[in-house]
Amino acid sequence: KRYKADLATKYRLYFELLHNKMKEYNIQPSYIFNIDKKGFLLRILRRSKRIFSKRQYERGGVVSSLQDGSREWITVLACICLDGTPLSPSLIF
């Protein structure tokens, strides 16, 4: 079903609907943003940490972790407004 989303008519209908709603609700281009994020692995810590759910821990016999806590990540956020105004990049660490 995903291949159907690539049809040019679907794109045209989407943007027609978007522009109509922007006019209907008086939404200015400066109010619409696009954001993207990218994560980077900084390092692997020597000591391995594991994060488990409380339910898993209380049941005992933990087989797998929800998240491996032995890595340190940083996430970069980039954001630009529909009118072309960029926001300063942000970091999550």
PDB file of N, CA and C in Angstrom:
ATOM      1  N   LYS A   1       0.808  -1.199   0.000  1.00  0.00           N
ATOM      2  CA  LYS A   1       0.000   0.000   0.000  1.00  0.00           C
ATOM      3  C   LYS A   1       0.853   1.266   0.000  1.00  0.00           C
ATOM      4  N   ARG A   2       2.086   1.149   0.461  1.00  0.00           N
ATOM      5  CA  ARG A   2       2.924   2.337   0.578  1.00  0.00           C
ATOM      6  C   ARG A   2       3.244   2.959  -0.784  1.00  0.00           C
ATOM      7  N   TYR A   3       3.387   2.143  -1.816  1.00  0.00           N
ATOM      8  CA  TYR A   3       3.740   2.671  -3.134  1.00  0.00           C
ATOM      9  C   TYR A   3       2.688   3.647  -3.653  1.00  0.00           C
ATOM     10  N   LYS A   4       1.452   3.529  -3.210  1.00  0.00           N
ATOM     11  CA  LYS A   4       0.388   4.416  -3.680  1.00  0.00           C
ATOM     12  C   LYS A   4       0.591   5.851  -3.210  1.00  0.00           C
ATOM     13  N   ALA A   5       1.356   6.039  -2.159  1.00  0.00           N
ATOM     14  CA  ALA A   5       1.602   7.389  -1.644  1.00  0.00           C
ATOM     15  C   ALA A   5       2.511   8.190  -2.569  1.00  0.00           C
ATOM     16  N   ASP A   6       3.185   7.539  -3.497  1.00  0.00           N
ATOM     17  CA  ASP A   6       4.106   8.233  -4.391  1.00  0.00           C
ATOM     18  C   ASP A   6       3.439   8.793  -5.644  1.00  0.00           C
ATOM     19  N   LEU A   7       2.169   8.653  -5.749  1.00  0.00           N
ATOM     20  CA  LEU A   7       1.487   9.160  -6.930  1.00  0.00           C
ATOM     21  C   LEU A   7       1.447  10.685  -6.912  1.00  0.00           C
ATOM     22  N   ALA A   8       1.685  11.296  -8.063  1.00  0.00           N
ATOM     23  CA  ALA A   8       1.702  12.761  -8.171  1.00  0.00           C
ATOM     24  C   ALA A   8       0.367  13.365  -7.762  1.00  0.00           C
ATOM     25  N   THR A   9      -0.729  12.679  -8.071  1.00  0.00           N
ATOM     26  CA  THR A   9      -2.044  13.205  -7.688  1.00  0.00           C
ATOM     27  C   THR A   9      -2.196  13.267  -6.173  1.00  0.00           C
ATOM     28  N   LYS A  10      -1.631  12.314  -5.466  1.00  0.00           N
ATOM     29  CA  LYS A  10      -1.705  12.331  -3.996  1.00  0.00           C
ATOM     30  C   LYS A  10      -0.974  13.553  -3.445  1.00  0.00           C
ATOM     31  N   TYR A  11       0.192  13.851  -4.006  1.00  0.00           N
ATOM     32  CA  TYR A  11       0.944  15.035  -3.575  1.00  0.00           C
ATOM     33  C   TYR A  11       0.157  16.315  -3.862  1.00  0.00           C
ATOM     34  N   ARG A  12      -0.394  16.390  -5.054  1.00  0.00           N
ATOM     35  CA  ARG A  12      -1.161  17.575  -5.437  1.00  0.00           C
ATOM     36  C   ARG A  12      -2.352  17.770  -4.504  1.00  0.00           C
ATOM     37  N   LEU A  13      -3.099  16.695  -4.240  1.00  0.00           N
ATOM     38  CA  LEU A  13      -4.257  16.785  -3.346  1.00  0.00           C
ATOM     39  C   LEU A  13      -3.845  17.182  -1.928  1.00  0.00           C
ATOM     40  N   TYR A  14      -2.731  16.633  -1.471  1.00  0.00           N
ATOM     41  CA  TYR A  14      -2.245  16.968  -0.129  1.00  0.00           C
ATOM     42  C   TYR A  14      -1.950  18.468  -0.016  1.00  0.00           C
ATOM     43  N   PHE A  15      -1.209  19.006  -0.983  1.00  0.00           N
ATOM     44  CA  PHE A  15      -0.837  20.420  -0.908  1.00  0.00           C
ATOM     45  C   PHE A  15      -2.028  21.346  -1.151  1.00  0.00           C
ATOM     46  N   GLU A  16      -2.986  20.913  -1.954  1.00  0.00           N
ATOM     47  CA  GLU A  16      -4.217  21.695  -2.103  1.00  0.00           C
ATOM     48  C   GLU A  16      -4.953  21.767  -0.770  1.00  0.00           C
ATOM     49  N   LEU A  17      -5.075  20.632  -0.098  1.00  0.00           N
ATOM     50  CA  LEU A  17      -5.734  20.588   1.210  1.00  0.00           C
ATOM     51  C   LEU A  17      -4.979  21.443   2.223  1.00  0.00           C
ATOM     52  N   LEU A  18      -3.659  21.327   2.226  1.00  0.00           N
ATOM     53  CA  LEU A  18      -2.840  22.114   3.144  1.00  0.00           C
ATOM     54  C   LEU A  18      -3.052  23.612   2.926  1.00  0.00           C
ATOM     55  N   HIS A  19      -2.976  24.056   1.685  1.00  0.00           N
ATOM     56  CA  HIS A  19      -3.154  25.484   1.390  1.00  0.00           C
ATOM     57  C   HIS A  19      -4.572  25.958   1.716  1.00  0.00           C
ATOM     58  N   ASN A  20      -5.561  25.113   1.453  1.00  0.00           N
ATOM     59  CA  ASN A  20      -6.939  25.484   1.798  1.00  0.00           C
ATOM     60  C   ASN A  20      -7.106  25.651   3.307  1.00  0.00           C
ATOM     61  N   LYS A  21      -6.534  24.752   4.088  1.00  0.00           N
ATOM     62  CA  LYS A  21      -6.632  24.846   5.551  1.00  0.00           C
ATOM     63  C   LYS A  21      -5.858  26.052   6.075  1.00  0.00           C
ATOM     64  N   MET A  22      -4.734  26.347   5.458  1.00  0.00           N
ATOM     65  CA  MET A  22      -3.975  27.535   5.863  1.00  0.00           C
ATOM     66  C   MET A  22      -4.809  28.797   5.650  1.00  0.00           C
ATOM     67  N   LYS A  23      -5.515  28.868   4.523  1.00  0.00           N
ATOM     68  CA  LYS A  23      -6.379  30.027   4.255  1.00  0.00           C
ATOM     69  C   LYS A  23      -7.573  30.043   5.204  1.00  0.00           C
ATOM     70  N   GLU A  24      -8.193  28.869   5.387  1.00  0.00           N
ATOM     71  CA  GLU A  24      -9.389  28.769   6.228  1.00  0.00           C
ATOM     72  C   GLU A  24      -9.121  29.224   7.661  1.00  0.00           C
ATOM     73  N   TYR A  25      -7.976  28.825   8.201  1.00  0.00           N
ATOM     74  CA  TYR A  25      -7.655  29.144   9.597  1.00  0.00           C
ATOM     75  C   TYR A  25      -6.653  30.287   9.737  1.00  0.00           C
ATOM     76  N   ASN A  26      -6.369  30.963   8.636  1.00  0.00           N
ATOM     77  CA  ASN A  26      -5.435  32.093   8.624  1.00  0.00           C
ATOM     78  C   ASN A  26      -4.086  31.722   9.257  1.00  0.00           C
ATOM     79  N   ILE A  27      -3.544  30.602   8.817  1.00  0.00           N
ATOM     80  CA  ILE A  27      -2.247  30.142   9.313  1.00  0.00           C
ATOM     81  C   ILE A  27      -1.160  30.729   8.428  1.00  0.00           C
ATOM     82  N   GLN A  28      -0.292  31.513   9.020  1.00  0.00           N
ATOM     83  CA  GLN A  28       0.795  32.153   8.286  1.00  0.00           C
ATOM     84  C   GLN A  28       1.947  31.159   8.079  1.00  0.00           C
ATOM     85  N   PRO A  29       2.687  31.276   6.971  1.00  0.00           N
ATOM     86  CA  PRO A  29       3.841  30.401   6.752  1.00  0.00           C
ATOM     87  C   PRO A  29       4.857  30.456   7.896  1.00  0.00           C
ATOM     88  N   SER A  30       4.915  31.582   8.589  1.00  0.00           N
ATOM     89  CA  SER A  30       5.875  31.698   9.698  1.00  0.00           C
ATOM     90  C   SER A  30       5.470  30.862  10.912  1.00  0.00           C
ATOM     91  N   TYR A  31       4.265  30.269  10.881  1.00  0.00           N
ATOM     92  CA  TYR A  31       3.806  29.418  11.981  1.00  0.00           C
ATOM     93  C   TYR A  31       4.042  27.933  11.717  1.00  0.00           C
ATOM     94  N   ILE A  32       4.554  27.594  10.544  1.00  0.00           N
ATOM     95  CA  ILE A  32       4.732  26.189  10.170  1.00  0.00           C
ATOM     96  C   ILE A  32       6.225  25.880  10.107  1.00  0.00           C
ATOM     97  N   PHE A  33       6.609  24.823  10.804  1.00  0.00           N
ATOM     98  CA  PHE A  33       8.019  24.443  10.883  1.00  0.00           C
ATOM     99  C   PHE A  33       8.230  23.011  10.437  1.00  0.00           C
ATOM    100  N   ASN A  34       9.411  22.750   9.938  1.00  0.00           N
ATOM    101  CA  ASN A  34       9.860  21.396   9.661  1.00  0.00           C
ATOM    102  C   ASN A  34      11.066  21.149  10.549  1.00  0.00           C
ATOM    103  N   ILE A  35      11.085  19.998  11.184  1.00  0.00           N
ATOM    104  CA  ILE A  35      12.192  19.679  12.081  1.00  0.00           C
ATOM    105  C   ILE A  35      12.735  18.308  11.710  1.00  0.00           C
ATOM    106  N   ASP A  36      14.033  18.162  11.822  1.00  0.00           N
ATOM    107  CA  ASP A  36      14.677  16.879  11.569  1.00  0.00           C
ATOM    108  C   ASP A  36      15.690  16.650  12.675  1.00  0.00           C
ATOM    109  N   LYS A  37      15.915  15.397  12.980  1.00  0.00           N
ATOM    110  CA  LYS A  37      16.879  15.066  14.033  1.00  0.00           C
ATOM    111  C   LYS A  37      17.832  13.995  13.527  1.00  0.00           C
ATOM    112  N   LYS A  38      19.026  14.015  14.092  1.00  0.00           N
ATOM    113  CA  LYS A  38      20.031  13.016  13.747  1.00  0.00           C
ATOM    114  C   LYS A  38      20.796  12.680  15.008  1.00  0.00           C
ATOM    115  N   GLY A  39      20.877  11.401  15.328  1.00  0.00           N
ATOM    116  CA  GLY A  39      21.606  10.957  16.508  1.00  0.00           C
ATOM    117  C   GLY A  39      23.008  10.506  16.150  1.00  0.00           C
ATOM    118  N   PHE A  40      23.949  10.792  17.050  1.00  0.00           N
ATOM    119  CA  PHE A  40      25.343  10.397  16.862  1.00  0.00           C
ATOM    120  C   PHE A  40      25.820   9.649  18.097  1.00  0.00           C
ATOM    121  N   LEU A  41      26.496   8.542  17.884  1.00  0.00           N
ATOM    122  CA  LEU A  41      27.102   7.793  18.975  1.00  0.00           C
ATOM    123  C   LEU A  41      28.417   8.459  19.332  1.00  0.00           C
ATOM    124  N   LEU A  42      28.536   8.941  20.567  1.00  0.00           N
ATOM    125  CA  LEU A  42      29.768   9.603  20.992  1.00  0.00           C
ATOM    126  C   LEU A  42      30.810   8.603  21.453  1.00  0.00           C
ATOM    127  N   ARG A  43      30.371   7.666  22.277  1.00  0.00           N
ATOM    128  CA  ARG A  43      31.325   6.682  22.783  1.00  0.00           C
ATOM    129  C   ARG A  43      30.563   5.531  23.413  1.00  0.00           C
ATOM    130  N   ILE A  44      31.268   4.458  23.614  1.00  0.00           N
ATOM    131  CA  ILE A  44      30.733   3.316  24.345  1.00  0.00           C
ATOM    132  C   ILE A  44      31.414   3.306  25.703  1.00  0.00           C
ATOM    133  N   LEU A  45      30.612   3.349  26.735  1.00  0.00           N
ATOM    134  CA  LEU A  45      31.154   3.367  28.090  1.00  0.00           C
ATOM    135  C   LEU A  45      31.725   2.000  28.442  1.00  0.00           C
ATOM    136  N   ARG A  46      32.735   1.992  29.280  1.00  0.00           N
ATOM    137  CA  ARG A  46      33.364   0.724  29.670  1.00  0.00           C
ATOM    138  C   ARG A  46      32.417  -0.152  30.479  1.00  0.00           C
ATOM    139  N   ARG A  47      31.725   0.475  31.392  1.00  0.00           N
ATOM    140  CA  ARG A  47      30.822  -0.272  32.246  1.00  0.00           C
ATOM    141  C   ARG A  47      29.468  -0.377  31.560  1.00  0.00           C
ATOM    142  N   SER A  48      28.995  -1.559  31.372  1.00  0.00           N
ATOM    143  CA  SER A  48      27.715  -1.761  30.715  1.00  0.00           C
ATOM    144  C   SER A  48      26.573  -1.541  31.703  1.00  0.00           C
ATOM    145  N   LYS A  49      25.605  -0.734  31.298  1.00  0.00           N
ATOM    146  CA  LYS A  49      24.417  -0.486  32.110  1.00  0.00           C
ATOM    147  C   LYS A  49      23.219  -1.025  31.338  1.00  0.00           C
ATOM    148  N   ARG A  50      22.254  -1.515  32.064  1.00  0.00           N
ATOM    149  CA  ARG A  50      21.033  -2.007  31.434  1.00  0.00           C
ATOM    150  C   ARG A  50      19.832  -1.339  32.078  1.00  0.00           C
ATOM    151  N   ILE A  51      18.840  -1.032  31.280  1.00  0.00           N
ATOM    152  CA  ILE A  51      17.623  -0.408  31.770  1.00  0.00           C
ATOM    153  C   ILE A  51      16.482  -1.392  31.543  1.00  0.00           C
ATOM    154  N   PHE A  52      15.746  -1.696  32.627  1.00  0.00           N
ATOM    155  CA  PHE A  52      14.650  -2.653  32.563  1.00  0.00           C
ATOM    156  C   PHE A  52      13.370  -1.995  33.047  1.00  0.00           C
ATOM    157  N   SER A  53      12.247  -2.561  32.639  1.00  0.00           N
ATOM    158  CA  SER A  53      10.976  -2.080  33.173  1.00  0.00           C
ATOM    159  C   SER A  53      10.813  -2.620  34.587  1.00  0.00           C
ATOM    160  N   LYS A  54      10.043  -1.926  35.396  1.00  0.00           N
ATOM    161  CA  LYS A  54       9.803  -2.349  36.778  1.00  0.00           C
ATOM    162  C   LYS A  54       9.132  -3.722  36.792  1.00  0.00           C
ATOM    163  N   ARG A  55       8.219  -3.929  35.865  1.00  0.00           N
ATOM    164  CA  ARG A  55       7.516  -5.214  35.787  1.00  0.00           C
ATOM    165  C   ARG A  55       8.483  -6.361  35.494  1.00  0.00           C
ATOM    166  N   GLN A  56       9.414  -6.146  34.569  1.00  0.00           N
ATOM    167  CA  GLN A  56      10.403  -7.181  34.261  1.00  0.00           C
ATOM    168  C   GLN A  56      11.247  -7.494  35.486  1.00  0.00           C
ATOM    169  N   TYR A  57      11.686  -6.455  36.167  1.00  0.00           N
ATOM    170  CA  TYR A  57      12.553  -6.630  37.331  1.00  0.00           C
ATOM    171  C   TYR A  57      11.828  -7.379  38.451  1.00  0.00           C
ATOM    172  N   GLU A  58      10.573  -7.005  38.711  1.00  0.00           N
ATOM    173  CA  GLU A  58       9.816  -7.640  39.786  1.00  0.00           C
ATOM    174  C   GLU A  58       9.486  -9.089  39.478  1.00  0.00           C
ATOM    175  N   ARG A  59       9.309  -9.422  38.213  1.00  0.00           N
ATOM    176  CA  ARG A  59       9.050 -10.805  37.821  1.00  0.00           C
ATOM    177  C   ARG A  59      10.285 -11.672  37.994  1.00  0.00           C
ATOM    178  N   GLY A  60      11.450 -11.046  37.938  1.00  0.00           N
ATOM    179  CA  GLY A  60      12.709 -11.787  38.041  1.00  0.00           C
ATOM    180  C   GLY A  60      13.041 -12.465  36.728  1.00  0.00           C
ATOM    181  N   GLY A  61      14.228 -13.021  36.670  1.00  0.00           N
ATOM    182  CA  GLY A  61      14.635 -13.722  35.461  1.00  0.00           C
ATOM    183  C   GLY A  61      14.639 -12.836  34.237  1.00  0.00           C
ATOM    184  N   VAL A  62      15.206 -11.636  34.350  1.00  0.00           N
ATOM    185  CA  VAL A  62      15.247 -10.701  33.232  1.00  0.00           C
ATOM    186  C   VAL A  62      16.082 -11.300  32.110  1.00  0.00           C
ATOM    187  N   VAL A  63      15.463 -11.398  30.941  1.00  0.00           N
ATOM    188  CA  VAL A  63      16.136 -12.007  29.796  1.00  0.00           C
ATOM    189  C   VAL A  63      16.793 -10.955  28.910  1.00  0.00           C
ATOM    190  N   SER A  64      16.073  -9.871  28.653  1.00  0.00           N
ATOM    191  CA  SER A  64      16.624  -8.831  27.783  1.00  0.00           C
ATOM    192  C   SER A  64      16.303  -7.464  28.357  1.00  0.00           C
ATOM    193  N   SER A  65      17.052  -6.476  27.921  1.00  0.00           N
ATOM    194  CA  SER A  65      16.846  -5.115  28.414  1.00  0.00           C
ATOM    195  C   SER A  65      15.987  -4.332  27.436  1.00  0.00           C
ATOM    196  N   LEU A  66      15.319  -3.318  27.947  1.00  0.00           N
ATOM    197  CA  LEU A  66      14.566  -2.413  27.079  1.00  0.00           C
ATOM    198  C   LEU A  66      15.508  -1.506  26.314  1.00  0.00           C
ATOM    199  N   GLN A  67      16.611  -1.134  26.955  1.00  0.00           N
ATOM    200  CA  GLN A  67      17.567  -0.214  26.348  1.00  0.00           C
ATOM    201  C   GLN A  67      18.952  -0.540  26.882  1.00  0.00           C
ATOM    202  N   ASP A  68      19.914  -0.574  25.998  1.00  0.00           N
ATOM    203  CA  ASP A  68      21.294  -0.777  26.412  1.00  0.00           C
ATOM    204  C   ASP A  68      21.845   0.572  26.823  1.00  0.00           C
ATOM    205  N   GLY A  69      22.201   0.713  28.085  1.00  0.00           N
ATOM    206  CA  GLY A  69      22.670   1.998  28.589  1.00  0.00           C
ATOM    207  C   GLY A  69      24.174   2.160  28.545  1.00  0.00           C
ATOM    208  N   SER A  70      24.870   1.367  27.733  1.00  0.00           N
ATOM    209  CA  SER A  70      26.329   1.437  27.710  1.00  0.00           C
ATOM    210  C   SER A  70      26.854   2.390  26.636  1.00  0.00           C
ATOM    211  N   ARG A  71      25.974   3.129  26.020  1.00  0.00           N
ATOM    212  CA  ARG A  71      26.395   4.039  24.956  1.00  0.00           C
ATOM    213  C   ARG A  71      25.978   5.463  25.297  1.00  0.00           C
ATOM    214  N   GLU A  72      26.750   6.411  24.820  1.00  0.00           N
ATOM    215  CA  GLU A  72      26.414   7.815  25.025  1.00  0.00           C
ATOM    216  C   GLU A  72      26.094   8.430  23.668  1.00  0.00           C
ATOM    217  N   TRP A  73      24.908   9.005  23.567  1.00  0.00           N
ATOM    218  CA  TRP A  73      24.430   9.565  22.312  1.00  0.00           C
ATOM    219  C   TRP A  73      24.219  11.059  22.436  1.00  0.00           C
ATOM    220  N   ILE A  74      24.276  11.733  21.305  1.00  0.00           N
ATOM    221  CA  ILE A  74      23.910  13.142  21.216  1.00  0.00           C
ATOM    222  C   ILE A  74      22.993  13.270  19.996  1.00  0.00           C
ATOM    223  N   THR A  75      21.963  14.093  20.111  1.00  0.00           N
ATOM    224  CA  THR A  75      21.025  14.298  19.016  1.00  0.00           C
ATOM    225  C   THR A  75      21.070  15.757  18.586  1.00  0.00           C
ATOM    226  N   VAL A  76      21.178  15.970  17.289  1.00  0.00           N
ATOM    227  CA  VAL A  76      21.181  17.315  16.718  1.00  0.00           C
ATOM    228  C   VAL A  76      19.812  17.553  16.083  1.00  0.00           C
ATOM    229  N   LEU A  77      19.211  18.701  16.414  1.00  0.00           N
ATOM    230  CA  LEU A  77      17.926  19.082  15.835  1.00  0.00           C
ATOM    231  C   LEU A  77      18.124  20.263  14.896  1.00  0.00           C
ATOM    232  N   ALA A  78      17.568  20.147  13.707  1.00  0.00           N
ATOM    233  CA  ALA A  78      17.595  21.252  12.748  1.00  0.00           C
ATOM    234  C   ALA A  78      16.152  21.608  12.430  1.00  0.00           C
ATOM    235  N   CYS A  79      15.856  22.892  12.398  1.00  0.00           N
ATOM    236  CA  CYS A  79      14.480  23.336  12.203  1.00  0.00           C
ATOM    237  C   CYS A  79      14.454  24.559  11.290  1.00  0.00           C
ATOM    238  N   ILE A  80      13.519  24.550  10.341  1.00  0.00           N
ATOM    239  CA  ILE A  80      13.355  25.694   9.449  1.00  0.00           C
ATOM    240  C   ILE A  80      11.866  25.974   9.290  1.00  0.00           C
ATOM    241  N   CYS A  81      11.560  27.230   9.173  1.00  0.00           N
ATOM    242  CA  CYS A  81      10.184  27.686   9.036  1.00  0.00           C
ATOM    243  C   CYS A  81       9.789  27.656   7.560  1.00  0.00           C
ATOM    244  N   LEU A  82       8.498  27.540   7.297  1.00  0.00           N
ATOM    245  CA  LEU A  82       8.012  27.513   5.921  1.00  0.00           C
ATOM    246  C   LEU A  82       8.373  28.779   5.153  1.00  0.00           C
ATOM    247  N   ASP A  83       8.523  29.895   5.869  1.00  0.00           N
ATOM    248  CA  ASP A  83       8.901  31.141   5.189  1.00  0.00           C
ATOM    249  C   ASP A  83      10.412  31.237   4.947  1.00  0.00           C
ATOM    250  N   GLY A  84      11.162  30.185   5.310  1.00  0.00           N
ATOM    251  CA  GLY A  84      12.604  30.145   5.068  1.00  0.00           C
ATOM    252  C   GLY A  84      13.460  30.571   6.239  1.00  0.00           C
ATOM    253  N   THR A  85      12.859  30.989   7.331  1.00  0.00           N
ATOM    254  CA  THR A  85      13.607  31.415   8.511  1.00  0.00           C
ATOM    255  C   THR A  85      14.098  30.196   9.285  1.00  0.00           C
ATOM    256  N   PRO A  86      15.410  30.038   9.450  1.00  0.00           N
ATOM    257  CA  PRO A  86      15.909  28.891  10.227  1.00  0.00           C
ATOM    258  C   PRO A  86      15.972  29.221  11.720  1.00  0.00           C
ATOM    259  N   LEU A  87      15.808  28.202  12.541  1.00  0.00           N
ATOM    260  CA  LEU A  87      16.073  28.337  13.968  1.00  0.00           C
ATOM    261  C   LEU A  87      17.490  27.843  14.214  1.00  0.00           C
ATOM    262  N   SER A  88      18.089  28.276  15.287  1.00  0.00           N
ATOM    263  CA  SER A  88      19.434  27.805  15.623  1.00  0.00           C
ATOM    264  C   SER A  88      19.396  26.305  15.891  1.00  0.00           C
ATOM    265  N   PRO A  89      20.421  25.569  15.454  1.00  0.00           N
ATOM    266  CA  PRO A  89      20.461  24.131  15.742  1.00  0.00           C
ATOM    267  C   PRO A  89      20.453  23.889  17.249  1.00  0.00           C
ATOM    268  N   SER A  90      19.856  22.792  17.648  1.00  0.00           N
ATOM    269  CA  SER A  90      19.785  22.428  19.058  1.00  0.00           C
ATOM    270  C   SER A  90      20.426  21.073  19.265  1.00  0.00           C
ATOM    271  N   LEU A  91      20.929  20.857  20.469  1.00  0.00           N
ATOM    272  CA  LEU A  91      21.540  19.582  20.829  1.00  0.00           C
ATOM    273  C   LEU A  91      20.802  18.980  22.014  1.00  0.00           C
ATOM    274  N   ILE A  92      20.606  17.682  21.973  1.00  0.00           N
ATOM    275  CA  ILE A  92      20.071  16.936  23.108  1.00  0.00           C
ATOM    276  C   ILE A  92      21.153  15.952  23.503  1.00  0.00           C
ATOM    277  N   PHE A  93      21.597  16.034  24.756  1.00  0.00           N
ATOM    278  CA  PHE A  93      22.652  15.127  25.211  1.00  0.00           C
ATOM    279  C   PHE A  93      22.384  14.674  26.612  1.00  0.00           C
TER     280      PHE A  93
END
